């Protein structure tokens, strides 16, 4: 093979295929024949032939012309391919557009992200339930489970909820009312990171020690309960 042959080969060009399309075309409802036909259409479009005939597609594939025509019609009906008419000097020129395919691919990608996030949230939630039950030494009641779910739905990060649980353990007040009050105060004061929560907890404990030295006989006030379920 000489340089001229290599140059001609390079001039043939390449086709870029999104990895997500290759790994999720089945999820999108495509089979192998439809997938290859779409790639052939993309190659024709890139080669300045936006409206290849079924016979041209058949020449490149192991399908008959009629089968290629059927697949194109099926892809158009299912919203993977669009036929567009461009007016060029008062002459209508038809062409294929694969924009619908890539729109469906993006929708599938976003859906897969949401499913992954939901699975992670569910996994984190199950982990939090386990941690709370271990600290309480018993299964959580339905009300406690619902309260814990409300905390997570209220944009409290799992690490922040764990930090509030830790503060309750250190303070010797292991109950949901006290943890709920901690989360309420942290949210009011803009505590969003684990480091901020730790600093706030240390300041609170130092403040408590000072109060005890000044007024050792002063009874502790009841901690008010912020009922998230009524919001």
C-alpha atoms as a PDB file:
ATOM      1  CA  UNK A   1       0.000   0.000   0.000  1.00  0.00           C
ATOM      2  CA  UNK A   2       1.525   3.353  -1.043  1.00  0.00           C
ATOM      3  CA  UNK A   3       0.974   6.839   0.355  1.00  0.00           C
ATOM      4  CA  UNK A   4      -1.749   7.633  -2.182  1.00  0.00           C
ATOM      5  CA  UNK A   5      -3.774   4.665  -1.001  1.00  0.00           C
ATOM      6  CA  UNK A   6      -3.303   5.692   2.614  1.00  0.00           C
ATOM      7  CA  UNK A   7      -4.335   9.253   1.815  1.00  0.00           C
ATOM      8  CA  UNK A   8      -7.478   8.010   0.065  1.00  0.00           C
ATOM      9  CA  UNK A   9      -8.249   5.858   3.078  1.00  0.00           C
ATOM     10  CA  UNK A  10      -7.894   8.823   5.439  1.00  0.00           C
ATOM     11  CA  UNK A  11     -10.154  10.900   3.200  1.00  0.00           C
ATOM     12  CA  UNK A  12     -12.918   8.390   3.801  1.00  0.00           C
ATOM     13  CA  UNK A  13     -13.250  10.019   7.207  1.00  0.00           C
ATOM     14  CA  UNK A  14     -14.522   8.652  10.497  1.00  0.00           C
ATOM     15  CA  UNK A  15     -17.837   8.577  12.299  1.00  0.00           C
ATOM     16  CA  UNK A  16     -18.183   9.553  15.937  1.00  0.00           C
ATOM     17  CA  UNK A  17     -20.550   7.429  18.006  1.00  0.00           C
ATOM     18  CA  UNK A  18     -21.479   8.462  21.551  1.00  0.00           C
ATOM     19  CA  UNK A  19     -20.507   5.698  23.959  1.00  0.00           C
ATOM     20  CA  UNK A  20     -23.833   6.095  25.746  1.00  0.00           C
ATOM     21  CA  UNK A  21     -25.677   5.259  22.522  1.00  0.00           C
ATOM     22  CA  UNK A  22     -23.692   2.046  22.081  1.00  0.00           C
ATOM     23  CA  UNK A  23     -24.282   0.935  25.650  1.00  0.00           C
ATOM     24  CA  UNK A  24     -27.940   1.992  25.934  1.00  0.00           C
ATOM     25  CA  UNK A  25     -29.512   1.539  22.493  1.00  0.00           C
ATOM     26  CA  UNK A  26     -31.335  -1.522  23.825  1.00  0.00           C
ATOM     27  CA  UNK A  27     -32.752   0.547  26.687  1.00  0.00           C
ATOM     28  CA  UNK A  28     -33.885   3.128  24.134  1.00  0.00           C
ATOM     29  CA  UNK A  29     -35.857   0.426  22.307  1.00  0.00           C
ATOM     30  CA  UNK A  30     -33.529  -0.128  19.355  1.00  0.00           C
ATOM     31  CA  UNK A  31     -32.298  -3.440  17.977  1.00  0.00           C
ATOM     32  CA  UNK A  32     -29.024  -4.185  16.173  1.00  0.00           C
ATOM     33  CA  UNK A  33     -30.411  -3.752  12.661  1.00  0.00           C
ATOM     34  CA  UNK A  34     -31.943  -0.398  13.520  1.00  0.00           C
ATOM     35  CA  UNK A  35     -28.740   0.691  15.240  1.00  0.00           C
ATOM     36  CA  UNK A  36     -26.563  -0.111  12.222  1.00  0.00           C
ATOM     37  CA  UNK A  37     -29.046   1.553   9.873  1.00  0.00           C
ATOM     38  CA  UNK A  38     -28.910   4.726  11.982  1.00  0.00           C
ATOM     39  CA  UNK A  39     -25.118   4.670  11.836  1.00  0.00           C
ATOM     40  CA  UNK A  40     -25.262   4.288   8.069  1.00  0.00           C
ATOM     41  CA  UNK A  41     -27.644   7.236   7.848  1.00  0.00           C
ATOM     42  CA  UNK A  42     -25.268   9.308   9.963  1.00  0.00           C
ATOM     43  CA  UNK A  43     -22.383   8.345   7.683  1.00  0.00           C
ATOM     44  CA  UNK A  44     -24.332   9.341   4.567  1.00  0.00           C
ATOM     45  CA  UNK A  45     -25.347  12.650   6.173  1.00  0.00           C
ATOM     46  CA  UNK A  46     -21.729  13.377   7.122  1.00  0.00           C
ATOM     47  CA  UNK A  47     -20.771  12.577   3.534  1.00  0.00           C
ATOM     48  CA  UNK A  48     -23.115  15.267   2.137  1.00  0.00           C
ATOM     49  CA  UNK A  49     -25.822  12.813   1.181  1.00  0.00           C
ATOM     50  CA  UNK A  50     -28.597  13.628   3.663  1.00  0.00           C
ATOM     51  CA  UNK A  51     -31.240  11.581   1.795  1.00  0.00           C
ATOM     52  CA  UNK A  52     -29.770   8.205   0.753  1.00  0.00           C
ATOM     53  CA  UNK A  53     -32.024   5.853  -1.131  1.00  0.00           C
ATOM     54  CA  UNK A  54     -32.951   2.485   0.402  1.00  0.00           C
ATOM     55  CA  UNK A  55     -30.898   0.839  -2.342  1.00  0.00           C
ATOM     56  CA  UNK A  56     -27.805   2.761  -1.224  1.00  0.00           C
ATOM     57  CA  UNK A  57     -28.334   1.628   2.339  1.00  0.00           C
ATOM     58  CA  UNK A  58     -28.916  -1.934   1.192  1.00  0.00           C
ATOM     59  CA  UNK A  59     -25.592  -1.932  -0.688  1.00  0.00           C
ATOM     60  CA  UNK A  60     -23.795  -1.409   2.617  1.00  0.00           C
ATOM     61  CA  UNK A  61     -25.829  -3.829   4.686  1.00  0.00           C
ATOM     62  CA  UNK A  62     -26.963  -7.439   4.640  1.00  0.00           C
ATOM     63  CA  UNK A  63     -30.577  -6.285   4.245  1.00  0.00           C
ATOM     64  CA  UNK A  64     -32.725  -6.118   1.150  1.00  0.00           C
ATOM     65  CA  UNK A  65     -33.823  -2.748  -0.206  1.00  0.00           C
ATOM     66  CA  UNK A  66     -37.384  -3.378   0.964  1.00  0.00           C
ATOM     67  CA  UNK A  67     -36.137  -4.207   4.459  1.00  0.00           C
ATOM     68  CA  UNK A  68     -34.134  -0.964   4.613  1.00  0.00           C
ATOM     69  CA  UNK A  69     -37.195   1.002   3.508  1.00  0.00           C
ATOM     70  CA  UNK A  70     -39.310  -0.708   6.181  1.00  0.00           C
ATOM     71  CA  UNK A  71     -36.751   0.058   8.889  1.00  0.00           C
ATOM     72  CA  UNK A  72     -36.547   3.727   7.883  1.00  0.00           C
ATOM     73  CA  UNK A  73     -40.329   4.060   7.947  1.00  0.00           C
ATOM     74  CA  UNK A  74     -40.429   2.344  11.329  1.00  0.00           C
ATOM     75  CA  UNK A  75     -37.741   4.648  12.766  1.00  0.00           C
ATOM     76  CA  UNK A  76     -39.588   7.708  11.472  1.00  0.00           C
ATOM     77  CA  UNK A  77     -42.873   6.512  12.996  1.00  0.00           C
ATOM     78  CA  UNK A  78     -41.208   5.834  16.353  1.00  0.00           C
ATOM     79  CA  UNK A  79     -39.587   9.255  16.461  1.00  0.00           C
ATOM     80  CA  UNK A  80     -35.919   8.317  15.991  1.00  0.00           C
ATOM     81  CA  UNK A  81     -35.564   9.847  12.513  1.00  0.00           C
ATOM     82  CA  UNK A  82     -37.197  12.923  11.055  1.00  0.00           C
ATOM     83  CA  UNK A  83     -37.775  13.748   7.403  1.00  0.00           C
ATOM     84  CA  UNK A  84     -37.144  17.416   6.726  1.00  0.00           C
ATOM     85  CA  UNK A  85     -37.929  19.376   3.585  1.00  0.00           C
ATOM     86  CA  UNK A  86     -35.591  22.264   2.826  1.00  0.00           C
ATOM     87  CA  UNK A  87     -36.649  24.856   0.280  1.00  0.00           C
ATOM     88  CA  UNK A  88     -33.723  25.632  -1.978  1.00  0.00           C
ATOM     89  CA  UNK A  89     -34.521  28.065  -4.795  1.00  0.00           C
ATOM     90  CA  UNK A  90     -38.187  27.105  -4.790  1.00  0.00           C
ATOM     91  CA  UNK A  91     -37.290  23.422  -4.995  1.00  0.00           C
ATOM     92  CA  UNK A  92     -38.136  21.203  -2.032  1.00  0.00           C
ATOM     93  CA  UNK A  93     -35.226  18.997  -1.036  1.00  0.00           C
ATOM     94  CA  UNK A  94     -35.852  16.146   1.383  1.00  0.00           C
ATOM     95  CA  UNK A  95     -33.290  14.985   3.913  1.00  0.00           C
ATOM     96  CA  UNK A  96     -33.074  12.833   7.012  1.00  0.00           C
ATOM     97  CA  UNK A  97     -32.385  14.354  10.420  1.00  0.00           C
ATOM     98  CA  UNK A  98     -31.121  12.355  13.393  1.00  0.00           C
ATOM     99  CA  UNK A  99     -31.836  15.124  15.889  1.00  0.00           C
ATOM    100  CA  UNK A 100     -34.756  13.125  17.367  1.00  0.00           C
ATOM    101  CA  UNK A 101     -32.382  10.203  17.999  1.00  0.00           C
ATOM    102  CA  UNK A 102     -30.009  12.367  19.998  1.00  0.00           C
ATOM    103  CA  UNK A 103     -32.881  13.996  21.866  1.00  0.00           C
ATOM    104  CA  UNK A 104     -34.068  10.547  22.900  1.00  0.00           C
ATOM    105  CA  UNK A 105     -30.513   9.657  23.870  1.00  0.00           C
ATOM    106  CA  UNK A 106     -30.278  12.753  26.103  1.00  0.00           C
ATOM    107  CA  UNK A 107     -33.631  11.923  27.713  1.00  0.00           C
ATOM    108  CA  UNK A 108     -32.413   8.388  28.384  1.00  0.00           C
ATOM    109  CA  UNK A 109     -29.157   9.740  29.825  1.00  0.00           C
ATOM    110  CA  UNK A 110     -30.954  12.124  32.197  1.00  0.00           C
ATOM    111  CA  UNK A 111     -33.349   9.353  33.220  1.00  0.00           C
ATOM    112  CA  UNK A 112     -30.432   7.034  34.009  1.00  0.00           C
ATOM    113  CA  UNK A 113     -28.857   9.782  36.136  1.00  0.00           C
ATOM    114  CA  UNK A 114     -32.073  10.252  38.092  1.00  0.00           C
ATOM    115  CA  UNK A 115     -32.380   6.507  38.643  1.00  0.00           C
ATOM    116  CA  UNK A 116     -28.785   6.367  39.893  1.00  0.00           C
ATOM    117  CA  UNK A 117     -29.421   9.301  42.226  1.00  0.00           C
ATOM    118  CA  UNK A 118     -32.622   7.702  43.527  1.00  0.00           C
ATOM    119  CA  UNK A 119     -30.784   4.441  44.156  1.00  0.00           C
ATOM    120  CA  UNK A 120     -28.041   6.311  46.024  1.00  0.00           C
ATOM    121  CA  UNK A 121     -30.604   8.211  48.105  1.00  0.00           C
ATOM    122  CA  UNK A 122     -32.389   4.959  48.946  1.00  0.00           C
ATOM    123  CA  UNK A 123     -29.093   3.321  49.873  1.00  0.00           C
ATOM    124  CA  UNK A 124     -28.141   6.305  52.054  1.00  0.00           C
ATOM    125  CA  UNK A 125     -31.565   6.282  53.688  1.00  0.00           C
ATOM    126  CA  UNK A 126     -31.276   2.604  54.540  1.00  0.00           C
ATOM    127  CA  UNK A 127     -27.815   3.275  55.978  1.00  0.00           C
ATOM    128  CA  UNK A 128     -29.172   6.102  58.164  1.00  0.00           C
ATOM    129  CA  UNK A 129     -31.970   3.895  59.484  1.00  0.00           C
ATOM    130  CA  UNK A 130     -29.408   1.245  60.395  1.00  0.00           C
ATOM    131  CA  UNK A 131     -27.161   3.762  62.170  1.00  0.00           C
ATOM    132  CA  UNK A 132     -30.063   5.213  64.173  1.00  0.00           C
ATOM    133  CA  UNK A 133     -31.293   1.776  65.195  1.00  0.00           C
ATOM    134  CA  UNK A 134     -27.804   0.830  66.323  1.00  0.00           C
ATOM    135  CA  UNK A 135     -27.486   3.975  68.449  1.00  0.00           C
ATOM    136  CA  UNK A 136     -30.983   3.625  69.908  1.00  0.00           C
ATOM    137  CA  UNK A 137     -30.512  -0.101  70.449  1.00  0.00           C
ATOM    138  CA  UNK A 138     -33.947  -0.905  69.066  1.00  0.00           C
ATOM    139  CA  UNK A 139     -36.004  -0.735  65.850  1.00  0.00           C
ATOM    140  CA  UNK A 140     -37.319   2.724  65.021  1.00  0.00           C
ATOM    141  CA  UNK A 141     -41.021   3.375  65.439  1.00  0.00           C
ATOM    142  CA  UNK A 142     -43.153   4.324  62.388  1.00  0.00           C
ATOM    143  CA  UNK A 143     -43.225   7.944  63.585  1.00  0.00           C
ATOM    144  CA  UNK A 144     -39.437   7.990  63.964  1.00  0.00           C
ATOM    145  CA  UNK A 145     -38.973   6.469  60.501  1.00  0.00           C
ATOM    146  CA  UNK A 146     -41.266   9.101  59.015  1.00  0.00           C
ATOM    147  CA  UNK A 147     -39.420  11.873  60.859  1.00  0.00           C
ATOM    148  CA  UNK A 148     -36.075  10.608  59.558  1.00  0.00           C
ATOM    149  CA  UNK A 149     -37.491  10.535  56.022  1.00  0.00           C
ATOM    150  CA  UNK A 150     -38.752  14.106  56.475  1.00  0.00           C
ATOM    151  CA  UNK A 151     -35.285  15.248  57.508  1.00  0.00           C
ATOM    152  CA  UNK A 152     -33.819  13.829  54.303  1.00  0.00           C
ATOM    153  CA  UNK A 153     -36.575  15.354  52.184  1.00  0.00           C
ATOM    154  CA  UNK A 154     -35.905  18.708  53.839  1.00  0.00           C
ATOM    155  CA  UNK A 155     -32.451  18.810  52.199  1.00  0.00           C
ATOM    156  CA  UNK A 156     -30.546  17.737  55.297  1.00  0.00           C
ATOM    157  CA  UNK A 157     -27.447  15.908  54.070  1.00  0.00           C
ATOM    158  CA  UNK A 158     -26.893  12.425  55.545  1.00  0.00           C
ATOM    159  CA  UNK A 159     -23.608  13.572  57.112  1.00  0.00           C
ATOM    160  CA  UNK A 160     -25.408  16.456  58.845  1.00  0.00           C
ATOM    161  CA  UNK A 161     -28.070  14.115  60.199  1.00  0.00           C
ATOM    162  CA  UNK A 162     -25.354  11.770  61.488  1.00  0.00           C
ATOM    163  CA  UNK A 163     -23.590  14.744  63.096  1.00  0.00           C
ATOM    164  CA  UNK A 164     -26.823  15.749  64.844  1.00  0.00           C
ATOM    165  CA  UNK A 165     -27.209  12.182  66.100  1.00  0.00           C
ATOM    166  CA  UNK A 166     -23.633  12.310  67.410  1.00  0.00           C
ATOM    167  CA  UNK A 167     -24.355  15.571  69.254  1.00  0.00           C
ATOM    168  CA  UNK A 168     -27.392  13.978  70.876  1.00  0.00           C
ATOM    169  CA  UNK A 169     -25.294  10.999  71.981  1.00  0.00           C
ATOM    170  CA  UNK A 170     -22.564  13.227  73.423  1.00  0.00           C
ATOM    171  CA  UNK A 171     -25.143  15.367  75.227  1.00  0.00           C
ATOM    172  CA  UNK A 172     -26.847  12.301  76.679  1.00  0.00           C
ATOM    173  CA  UNK A 173     -30.163  13.275  75.092  1.00  0.00           C
ATOM    174  CA  UNK A 174     -30.736  10.487  72.620  1.00  0.00           C
ATOM    175  CA  UNK A 175     -34.227  11.242  71.364  1.00  0.00           C
ATOM    176  CA  UNK A 176     -35.732  12.482  68.143  1.00  0.00           C
ATOM    177  CA  UNK A 177     -36.995  15.724  69.691  1.00  0.00           C
ATOM    178  CA  UNK A 178     -33.499  16.793  70.622  1.00  0.00           C
ATOM    179  CA  UNK A 179     -32.033  15.760  67.229  1.00  0.00           C
ATOM    180  CA  UNK A 180     -34.863  17.580  65.467  1.00  0.00           C
ATOM    181  CA  UNK A 181     -34.087  20.734  67.435  1.00  0.00           C
ATOM    182  CA  UNK A 182     -30.386  20.493  66.535  1.00  0.00           C
ATOM    183  CA  UNK A 183     -31.202  20.202  62.827  1.00  0.00           C
ATOM    184  CA  UNK A 184     -33.658  23.094  63.081  1.00  0.00           C
ATOM    185  CA  UNK A 185     -31.052  25.349  64.729  1.00  0.00           C
ATOM    186  CA  UNK A 186     -28.346  24.338  62.269  1.00  0.00           C
ATOM    187  CA  UNK A 187     -30.575  25.077  59.310  1.00  0.00           C
ATOM    188  CA  UNK A 188     -31.558  28.441  60.806  1.00  0.00           C
ATOM    189  CA  UNK A 189     -27.876  29.316  61.271  1.00  0.00           C
ATOM    190  CA  UNK A 190     -26.883  28.223  57.783  1.00  0.00           C
ATOM    191  CA  UNK A 191     -24.949  25.117  58.836  1.00  0.00           C
ATOM    192  CA  UNK A 192     -24.497  23.071  55.647  1.00  0.00           C
ATOM    193  CA  UNK A 193     -21.185  21.237  55.959  1.00  0.00           C
ATOM    194  CA  UNK A 194     -19.926  18.595  58.362  1.00  0.00           C
ATOM    195  CA  UNK A 195     -17.079  20.863  59.469  1.00  0.00           C
ATOM    196  CA  UNK A 196     -19.510  23.678  60.294  1.00  0.00           C
ATOM    197  CA  UNK A 197     -21.657  21.238  62.262  1.00  0.00           C
ATOM    198  CA  UNK A 198     -18.667  20.060  64.291  1.00  0.00           C
ATOM    199  CA  UNK A 199     -17.596  23.623  65.071  1.00  0.00           C
ATOM    200  CA  UNK A 200     -21.148  24.527  66.087  1.00  0.00           C
ATOM    201  CA  UNK A 201     -21.329  21.462  68.342  1.00  0.00           C
ATOM    202  CA  UNK A 202     -18.054  22.334  70.054  1.00  0.00           C
ATOM    203  CA  UNK A 203     -19.160  25.930  70.632  1.00  0.00           C
ATOM    204  CA  UNK A 204     -22.455  24.711  72.069  1.00  0.00           C
ATOM    205  CA  UNK A 205     -20.741  22.328  74.492  1.00  0.00           C
ATOM    206  CA  UNK A 206     -18.300  25.036  75.640  1.00  0.00           C
ATOM    207  CA  UNK A 207     -21.223  27.369  76.180  1.00  0.00           C
ATOM    208  CA  UNK A 208     -23.060  24.691  78.167  1.00  0.00           C
ATOM    209  CA  UNK A 209     -20.074  24.165  80.461  1.00  0.00           C
ATOM    210  CA  UNK A 210     -19.851  27.904  81.159  1.00  0.00           C
ATOM    211  CA  UNK A 211     -23.555  28.073  81.967  1.00  0.00           C
ATOM    212  CA  UNK A 212     -23.222  25.185  84.409  1.00  0.00           C
ATOM    213  CA  UNK A 213     -20.357  26.905  86.228  1.00  0.00           C
ATOM    214  CA  UNK A 214     -22.289  30.161  86.523  1.00  0.00           C
ATOM    215  CA  UNK A 215     -25.660  28.668  87.485  1.00  0.00           C
ATOM    216  CA  UNK A 216     -25.108  25.121  88.706  1.00  0.00           C
ATOM    217  CA  UNK A 217     -28.569  24.882  90.249  1.00  0.00           C
ATOM    218  CA  UNK A 218     -30.471  26.244  87.289  1.00  0.00           C
ATOM    219  CA  UNK A 219     -32.772  23.534  85.931  1.00  0.00           C
ATOM    220  CA  UNK A 220     -32.484  22.602  82.316  1.00  0.00           C
ATOM    221  CA  UNK A 221     -35.213  23.957  80.069  1.00  0.00           C
ATOM    222  CA  UNK A 222     -37.299  21.655  77.988  1.00  0.00           C
ATOM    223  CA  UNK A 223     -36.162  21.521  74.407  1.00  0.00           C
ATOM    224  CA  UNK A 224     -39.002  22.630  72.118  1.00  0.00           C
ATOM    225  CA  UNK A 225     -39.922  20.252  69.329  1.00  0.00           C
ATOM    226  CA  UNK A 226     -40.228  21.528  65.781  1.00  0.00           C
ATOM    227  CA  UNK A 227     -42.787  19.311  64.102  1.00  0.00           C
ATOM    228  CA  UNK A 228     -41.697  18.953  60.477  1.00  0.00           C
ATOM    229  CA  UNK A 229     -44.776  16.903  59.636  1.00  0.00           C
ATOM    230  CA  UNK A 230     -47.102  19.910  60.112  1.00  0.00           C
ATOM    231  CA  UNK A 231     -45.165  22.077  57.660  1.00  0.00           C
END
